Amino acid sequence: MQVLVRDNNVDQALRALKKKLQREGVFREMKMHDFFEKPSEKRAREKAEAVRRVRKLARKKMQREGLLPAARGR
């Protein structure tokens, strides 16, 4: 991963790096490796994540087709 430092502004580059790491899910991955997760808990978590992902894609598809109102910006 690479972040450019412009005008010797390290603080801005550090913020950009943190944002990239957050988007990639690095912090979440590090937190998950801090403790042991039982295989049954891992399966349950991965299944829940898959269900969330599928529902999110379906919701976005319905919004694009105009069947649901657009989500409010955050």
PDB file of N, CA and C in Angstrom:
ATOM      1  N   MET A   1       0.853  -1.165   0.000  1.00  0.00           N
ATOM      2  CA  MET A   1       0.000   0.000   0.000  1.00  0.00           C
ATOM      3  C   MET A   1       0.899   1.229   0.000  1.00  0.00           C
ATOM      4  N   GLN A   2       0.517   2.237  -0.756  1.00  0.00           N
ATOM      5  CA  GLN A   2       1.367   3.399  -0.927  1.00  0.00           C
ATOM      6  C   GLN A   2       0.545   4.674  -0.767  1.00  0.00           C
ATOM      7  N   VAL A   3       1.124   5.625  -0.038  1.00  0.00           N
ATOM      8  CA  VAL A   3       0.484   6.919   0.159  1.00  0.00           C
ATOM      9  C   VAL A   3       1.522   7.990  -0.161  1.00  0.00           C
ATOM     10  N   LEU A   4       1.143   8.962  -0.955  1.00  0.00           N
ATOM     11  CA  LEU A   4       2.056  10.036  -1.309  1.00  0.00           C
ATOM     12  C   LEU A   4       2.024  11.138  -0.258  1.00  0.00           C
ATOM     13  N   VAL A   5       3.210  11.658   0.073  1.00  0.00           N
ATOM     14  CA  VAL A   5       3.321  12.775   1.010  1.00  0.00           C
ATOM     15  C   VAL A   5       3.533  14.031   0.181  1.00  0.00           C
ATOM     16  N   ARG A   6       2.610  14.947   0.270  1.00  0.00           N
ATOM     17  CA  ARG A   6       2.691  16.180  -0.517  1.00  0.00           C
ATOM     18  C   ARG A   6       3.062  17.343   0.382  1.00  0.00           C
ATOM     19  N   ASP A   7       3.963  18.168  -0.073  1.00  0.00           N
ATOM     20  CA  ASP A   7       4.398  19.374   0.657  1.00  0.00           C
ATOM     21  C   ASP A   7       4.849  19.052   2.080  1.00  0.00           C
ATOM     22  N   ASN A   8       5.504  17.916   2.258  1.00  0.00           N
ATOM     23  CA  ASN A   8       5.982  17.474   3.581  1.00  0.00           C
ATOM     24  C   ASN A   8       4.873  17.431   4.633  1.00  0.00           C
ATOM     25  N   ASN A   9       3.644  17.200   4.189  1.00  0.00           N
ATOM     26  CA  ASN A   9       2.506  17.136   5.102  1.00  0.00           C
ATOM     27  C   ASN A   9       2.281  15.667   5.504  1.00  0.00           C
ATOM     28  N   VAL A  10       2.986  15.245   6.546  1.00  0.00           N
ATOM     29  CA  VAL A  10       2.929  13.858   6.985  1.00  0.00           C
ATOM     30  C   VAL A  10       1.585  13.544   7.638  1.00  0.00           C
ATOM     31  N   ASP A  11       1.005  14.518   8.336  1.00  0.00           N
ATOM     32  CA  ASP A  11      -0.280  14.281   9.009  1.00  0.00           C
ATOM     33  C   ASP A  11      -1.367  13.923   8.007  1.00  0.00           C
ATOM     34  N   GLN A  12      -1.404  14.645   6.894  1.00  0.00           N
ATOM     35  CA  GLN A  12      -2.414  14.376   5.874  1.00  0.00           C
ATOM     36  C   GLN A  12      -2.175  12.997   5.251  1.00  0.00           C
ATOM     37  N   ALA A  13      -0.910  12.644   5.024  1.00  0.00           N
ATOM     38  CA  ALA A  13      -0.589  11.334   4.456  1.00  0.00           C
ATOM     39  C   ALA A  13      -0.965  10.223   5.428  1.00  0.00           C
ATOM     40  N   LEU A  14      -0.740  10.450   6.718  1.00  0.00           N
ATOM     41  CA  LEU A  14      -1.094   9.453   7.725  1.00  0.00           C
ATOM     42  C   LEU A  14      -2.608   9.241   7.772  1.00  0.00           C
ATOM     43  N   ARG A  15      -3.374  10.328   7.670  1.00  0.00           N
ATOM     44  CA  ARG A  15      -4.840  10.196   7.639  1.00  0.00           C
ATOM     45  C   ARG A  15      -5.286   9.404   6.420  1.00  0.00           C
ATOM     46  N   ALA A  16      -4.651   9.673   5.268  1.00  0.00           N
ATOM     47  CA  ALA A  16      -5.002   8.946   4.043  1.00  0.00           C
ATOM     48  C   ALA A  16      -4.672   7.459   4.191  1.00  0.00           C
ATOM     49  N   LEU A  17      -3.525   7.161   4.811  1.00  0.00           N
ATOM     50  CA  LEU A  17      -3.138   5.766   5.017  1.00  0.00           C
ATOM     51  C   LEU A  17      -4.133   5.058   5.930  1.00  0.00           C
ATOM     52  N   LYS A  18      -4.515   5.698   7.023  1.00  0.00           N
ATOM     53  CA  LYS A  18      -5.477   5.097   7.947  1.00  0.00           C
ATOM     54  C   LYS A  18      -6.806   4.831   7.255  1.00  0.00           C
ATOM     55  N   LYS A  19      -7.233   5.769   6.401  1.00  0.00           N
ATOM     56  CA  LYS A  19      -8.490   5.596   5.680  1.00  0.00           C
ATOM     57  C   LYS A  19      -8.407   4.400   4.731  1.00  0.00           C
ATOM     58  N   LYS A  20      -7.260   4.244   4.043  1.00  0.00           N
ATOM     59  CA  LYS A  20      -7.085   3.114   3.135  1.00  0.00           C
ATOM     60  C   LYS A  20      -7.096   1.795   3.900  1.00  0.00           C
ATOM     61  N   LEU A  21      -6.393   1.768   5.038  1.00  0.00           N
ATOM     62  CA  LEU A  21      -6.353   0.557   5.850  1.00  0.00           C
ATOM     63  C   LEU A  21      -7.741   0.204   6.367  1.00  0.00           C
ATOM     64  N   GLN A  22      -8.511   1.221   6.753  1.00  0.00           N
ATOM     65  CA  GLN A  22      -9.880   0.996   7.234  1.00  0.00           C
ATOM     66  C   GLN A  22     -10.742   0.393   6.132  1.00  0.00           C
ATOM     67  N   ARG A  23     -10.631   0.950   4.919  1.00  0.00           N
ATOM     68  CA  ARG A  23     -11.430   0.452   3.801  1.00  0.00           C
ATOM     69  C   ARG A  23     -11.078  -0.987   3.446  1.00  0.00           C
ATOM     70  N   GLU A  24      -9.798  -1.327   3.552  1.00  0.00           N
ATOM     71  CA  GLU A  24      -9.353  -2.681   3.222  1.00  0.00           C
ATOM     72  C   GLU A  24      -9.706  -3.683   4.309  1.00  0.00           C
ATOM     73  N   GLY A  25     -10.070  -3.218   5.492  1.00  0.00           N
ATOM     74  CA  GLY A  25     -10.449  -4.114   6.572  1.00  0.00           C
ATOM     75  C   GLY A  25      -9.264  -4.651   7.356  1.00  0.00           C
ATOM     76  N   VAL A  26      -8.130  -3.964   7.292  1.00  0.00           N
ATOM     77  CA  VAL A  26      -6.925  -4.427   7.984  1.00  0.00           C
ATOM     78  C   VAL A  26      -7.120  -4.375   9.491  1.00  0.00           C
ATOM     79  N   PHE A  27      -7.727  -3.310   9.993  1.00  0.00           N
ATOM     80  CA  PHE A  27      -7.918  -3.173  11.435  1.00  0.00           C
ATOM     81  C   PHE A  27      -8.840  -4.263  11.965  1.00  0.00           C
ATOM     82  N   ARG A  28      -9.900  -4.555  11.222  1.00  0.00           N
ATOM     83  CA  ARG A  28     -10.822  -5.613  11.633  1.00  0.00           C
ATOM     84  C   ARG A  28     -10.110  -6.961  11.672  1.00  0.00           C
ATOM     85  N   GLU A  29      -9.288  -7.206  10.648  1.00  0.00           N
ATOM     86  CA  GLU A  29      -8.546  -8.459  10.565  1.00  0.00           C
ATOM     87  C   GLU A  29      -7.571  -8.589  11.744  1.00  0.00           C
ATOM     88  N   MET A  30      -6.888  -7.509  12.090  1.00  0.00           N
ATOM     89  CA  MET A  30      -5.947  -7.532  13.211  1.00  0.00           C
ATOM     90  C   MET A  30      -6.687  -7.815  14.519  1.00  0.00           C
ATOM     91  N   LYS A  31      -7.836  -7.197  14.687  1.00  0.00           N
ATOM     92  CA  LYS A  31      -8.617  -7.389  15.911  1.00  0.00           C
ATOM     93  C   LYS A  31      -9.087  -8.846  16.020  1.00  0.00           C
ATOM     94  N   MET A  32      -9.435  -9.449  14.886  1.00  0.00           N
ATOM     95  CA  MET A  32      -9.910 -10.830  14.908  1.00  0.00           C
ATOM     96  C   MET A  32      -8.783 -11.799  15.264  1.00  0.00           C
ATOM     97  N   HIS A  33      -7.544 -11.448  14.956  1.00  0.00           N
ATOM     98  CA  HIS A  33      -6.415 -12.331  15.247  1.00  0.00           C
ATOM     99  C   HIS A  33      -5.886 -12.152  16.664  1.00  0.00           C
ATOM    100  N   ASP A  34      -6.447 -11.226  17.427  1.00  0.00           N
ATOM    101  CA  ASP A  34      -6.000 -11.003  18.796  1.00  0.00           C
ATOM    102  C   ASP A  34      -6.380 -12.152  19.724  1.00  0.00           C
ATOM    103  N   PHE A  35      -7.431 -12.878  19.401  1.00  0.00           N
ATOM    104  CA  PHE A  35      -7.894 -13.945  20.281  1.00  0.00           C
ATOM    105  C   PHE A  35      -8.300 -15.145  19.437  1.00  0.00           C
ATOM    106  N   PHE A  36      -8.348 -16.294  20.068  1.00  0.00           N
ATOM    107  CA  PHE A  36      -8.720 -17.516  19.371  1.00  0.00           C
ATOM    108  C   PHE A  36     -10.228 -17.548  19.136  1.00  0.00           C
ATOM    109  N   GLU A  37     -10.588 -17.938  17.946  1.00  0.00           N
ATOM    110  CA  GLU A  37     -11.997 -18.062  17.593  1.00  0.00           C
ATOM    111  C   GLU A  37     -12.290 -19.535  17.300  1.00  0.00           C
ATOM    112  N   LYS A  38     -13.246 -20.085  18.027  1.00  0.00           N
ATOM    113  CA  LYS A  38     -13.583 -21.479  17.812  1.00  0.00           C
ATOM    114  C   LYS A  38     -14.079 -21.680  16.385  1.00  0.00           C
ATOM    115  N   PRO A  39     -13.828 -22.851  15.797  1.00  0.00           N
ATOM    116  CA  PRO A  39     -14.273 -23.101  14.426  1.00  0.00           C
ATOM    117  C   PRO A  39     -15.780 -22.917  14.244  1.00  0.00           C
ATOM    118  N   SER A  40     -16.565 -23.299  15.251  1.00  0.00           N
ATOM    119  CA  SER A  40     -18.018 -23.135  15.124  1.00  0.00           C
ATOM    120  C   SER A  40     -18.395 -21.648  15.115  1.00  0.00           C
ATOM    121  N   GLU A  41     -17.686 -20.842  15.926  1.00  0.00           N
ATOM    122  CA  GLU A  41     -17.949 -19.396  15.941  1.00  0.00           C
ATOM    123  C   GLU A  41     -17.521 -18.764  14.621  1.00  0.00           C
ATOM    124  N   LYS A  42     -16.422 -19.258  14.064  1.00  0.00           N
ATOM    125  CA  LYS A  42     -15.932 -18.724  12.789  1.00  0.00           C
ATOM    126  C   LYS A  42     -16.944 -19.001  11.671  1.00  0.00           C
ATOM    127  N   ARG A  43     -17.472 -20.240  11.651  1.00  0.00           N
ATOM    128  CA  ARG A  43     -18.472 -20.571  10.631  1.00  0.00           C
ATOM    129  C   ARG A  43     -19.710 -19.690  10.772  1.00  0.00           C
ATOM    130  N   ALA A  44     -20.159 -19.502  12.015  1.00  0.00           N
ATOM    131  CA  ALA A  44     -21.349 -18.683  12.250  1.00  0.00           C
ATOM    132  C   ALA A  44     -21.106 -17.245  11.823  1.00  0.00           C
ATOM    133  N   ARG A  45     -19.920 -16.698  12.138  1.00  0.00           N
ATOM    134  CA  ARG A  45     -19.595 -15.317  11.771  1.00  0.00           C
ATOM    135  C   ARG A  45     -19.521 -15.164  10.262  1.00  0.00           C
ATOM    136  N   GLU A  46     -18.846 -16.114   9.596  1.00  0.00           N
ATOM    137  CA  GLU A  46     -18.724 -16.025   8.142  1.00  0.00           C
ATOM    138  C   GLU A  46     -20.083 -16.151   7.458  1.00  0.00           C
ATOM    139  N   LYS A  47     -20.952 -17.003   8.000  1.00  0.00           N
ATOM    140  CA  LYS A  47     -22.291 -17.155   7.424  1.00  0.00           C
ATOM    141  C   LYS A  47     -23.095 -15.869   7.597  1.00  0.00           C
ATOM    142  N   ALA A  48     -22.993 -15.254   8.784  1.00  0.00           N
ATOM    143  CA  ALA A  48     -23.705 -13.991   9.028  1.00  0.00           C
ATOM    144  C   ALA A  48     -23.180 -12.893   8.111  1.00  0.00           C
ATOM    145  N   GLU A  49     -21.866 -12.857   7.897  1.00  0.00           N
ATOM    146  CA  GLU A  49     -21.288 -11.854   6.996  1.00  0.00           C
ATOM    147  C   GLU A  49     -21.788 -12.061   5.573  1.00  0.00           C
ATOM    148  N   ALA A  50     -21.889 -13.324   5.141  1.00  0.00           N
ATOM    149  CA  ALA A  50     -22.369 -13.617   3.800  1.00  0.00           C
ATOM    150  C   ALA A  50     -23.826 -13.178   3.637  1.00  0.00           C
ATOM    151  N   VAL A  51     -24.644 -13.442   4.658  1.00  0.00           N
ATOM    152  CA  VAL A  51     -26.053 -13.040   4.600  1.00  0.00           C
ATOM    153  C   VAL A  51     -26.159 -11.520   4.507  1.00  0.00           C
ATOM    154  N   ARG A  52     -25.353 -10.802   5.329  1.00  0.00           N
ATOM    155  CA  ARG A  52     -25.354  -9.338   5.284  1.00  0.00           C
ATOM    156  C   ARG A  52     -24.952  -8.822   3.917  1.00  0.00           C
ATOM    157  N   ARG A  53     -23.917  -9.457   3.348  1.00  0.00           N
ATOM    158  CA  ARG A  53     -23.422  -9.034   2.038  1.00  0.00           C
ATOM    159  C   ARG A  53     -24.485  -9.226   0.953  1.00  0.00           C
ATOM    160  N   VAL A  54     -25.178 -10.372   0.970  1.00  0.00           N
ATOM    161  CA  VAL A  54     -26.201 -10.658  -0.030  1.00  0.00           C
ATOM    162  C   VAL A  54     -27.374  -9.686   0.108  1.00  0.00           C
ATOM    163  N   ARG A  55     -27.786  -9.432   1.358  1.00  0.00           N
ATOM    164  CA  ARG A  55     -28.901  -8.501   1.574  1.00  0.00           C
ATOM    165  C   ARG A  55     -28.542  -7.096   1.126  1.00  0.00           C
ATOM    166  N   LYS A  56     -27.305  -6.688   1.375  1.00  0.00           N
ATOM    167  CA  LYS A  56     -26.869  -5.352   0.974  1.00  0.00           C
ATOM    168  C   LYS A  56     -26.879  -5.224  -0.548  1.00  0.00           C
ATOM    169  N   LEU A  57     -26.386  -6.249  -1.249  1.00  0.00           N
ATOM    170  CA  LEU A  57     -26.396  -6.215  -2.714  1.00  0.00           C
ATOM    171  C   LEU A  57     -27.823  -6.186  -3.252  1.00  0.00           C
ATOM    172  N   ALA A  58     -28.716  -6.967  -2.641  1.00  0.00           N
ATOM    173  CA  ALA A  58     -30.113  -6.976  -3.087  1.00  0.00           C
ATOM    174  C   ALA A  58     -30.766  -5.616  -2.847  1.00  0.00           C
ATOM    175  N   ARG A  59     -30.466  -5.001  -1.691  1.00  0.00           N
ATOM    176  CA  ARG A  59     -31.030  -3.687  -1.389  1.00  0.00           C
ATOM    177  C   ARG A  59     -30.534  -2.645  -2.386  1.00  0.00           C
ATOM    178  N   LYS A  60     -29.237  -2.689  -2.711  1.00  0.00           N
ATOM    179  CA  LYS A  60     -28.687  -1.730  -3.668  1.00  0.00           C
ATOM    180  C   LYS A  60     -29.300  -1.933  -5.060  1.00  0.00           C
ATOM    181  N   LYS A  61     -29.509  -3.197  -5.428  1.00  0.00           N
ATOM    182  CA  LYS A  61     -30.103  -3.490  -6.730  1.00  0.00           C
ATOM    183  C   LYS A  61     -31.531  -2.941  -6.807  1.00  0.00           C
ATOM    184  N   MET A  62     -32.304  -3.133  -5.720  1.00  0.00           N
ATOM    185  CA  MET A  62     -33.672  -2.629  -5.703  1.00  0.00           C
ATOM    186  C   MET A  62     -33.698  -1.101  -5.748  1.00  0.00           C
ATOM    187  N   GLN A  63     -32.727  -0.454  -5.099  1.00  0.00           N
ATOM    188  CA  GLN A  63     -32.659   1.008  -5.133  1.00  0.00           C
ATOM    189  C   GLN A  63     -32.352   1.494  -6.543  1.00  0.00           C
ATOM    190  N   ARG A  64     -31.445   0.787  -7.229  1.00  0.00           N
ATOM    191  CA  ARG A  64     -31.110   1.172  -8.606  1.00  0.00           C
ATOM    192  C   ARG A  64     -32.317   1.033  -9.523  1.00  0.00           C
ATOM    193  N   GLU A  65     -33.123   0.009  -9.278  1.00  0.00           N
ATOM    194  CA  GLU A  65     -34.308  -0.229 -10.120  1.00  0.00           C
ATOM    195  C   GLU A  65     -35.476   0.641  -9.720  1.00  0.00           C
ATOM    196  N   GLY A  66     -35.346   1.392  -8.648  1.00  0.00           N
ATOM    197  CA  GLY A  66     -36.389   2.307  -8.232  1.00  0.00           C
ATOM    198  C   GLY A  66     -37.479   1.687  -7.384  1.00  0.00           C
ATOM    199  N   LEU A  67     -37.266   0.483  -6.905  1.00  0.00           N
ATOM    200  CA  LEU A  67     -38.277  -0.175  -6.073  1.00  0.00           C
ATOM    201  C   LEU A  67     -38.201   0.268  -4.620  1.00  0.00           C
ATOM    202  N   LEU A  68     -37.040   0.786  -4.210  1.00  0.00           N
ATOM    203  CA  LEU A  68     -36.848   1.301  -2.858  1.00  0.00           C
ATOM    204  C   LEU A  68     -36.345   2.734  -2.958  1.00  0.00           C
ATOM    205  N   PRO A  69     -36.685   3.567  -1.992  1.00  0.00           N
ATOM    206  CA  PRO A  69     -36.130   4.918  -2.010  1.00  0.00           C
ATOM    207  C   PRO A  69     -34.628   4.862  -1.757  1.00  0.00           C
ATOM    208  N   ALA A  70     -33.903   5.831  -2.315  1.00  0.00           N
ATOM    209  CA  ALA A  70     -32.455   5.864  -2.161  1.00  0.00           C
ATOM    210  C   ALA A  70     -32.074   6.072  -0.697  1.00  0.00           C
ATOM    211  N   ALA A  71     -30.975   5.494  -0.296  1.00  0.00           N
ATOM    212  CA  ALA A  71     -30.505   5.635   1.086  1.00  0.00           C
ATOM    213  C   ALA A  71     -30.002   7.047   1.313  1.00  0.00           C
ATOM    214  N   ARG A  72     -30.197   7.517   2.534  1.00  0.00           N
ATOM    215  CA  ARG A  72     -29.713   8.837   2.889  1.00  0.00           C
ATOM    216  C   ARG A  72     -28.212   8.796   3.056  1.00  0.00           C
ATOM    217  N   GLY A  73     -27.518   9.871   2.659  1.00  0.00           N
ATOM    218  CA  GLY A  73     -26.071   9.933   2.808  1.00  0.00           C
ATOM    219  C   GLY A  73     -25.674  10.110   4.252  1.00  0.00           C
ATOM    220  N   ARG A  74     -24.492   9.625   4.567  1.00  0.00           N
ATOM    221  CA  ARG A  74     -24.001   9.738   5.947  1.00  0.00           C
ATOM    222  C   ARG A  74     -23.014  10.864   6.050  1.00  0.00           C
TER     223      ARG A  74
END
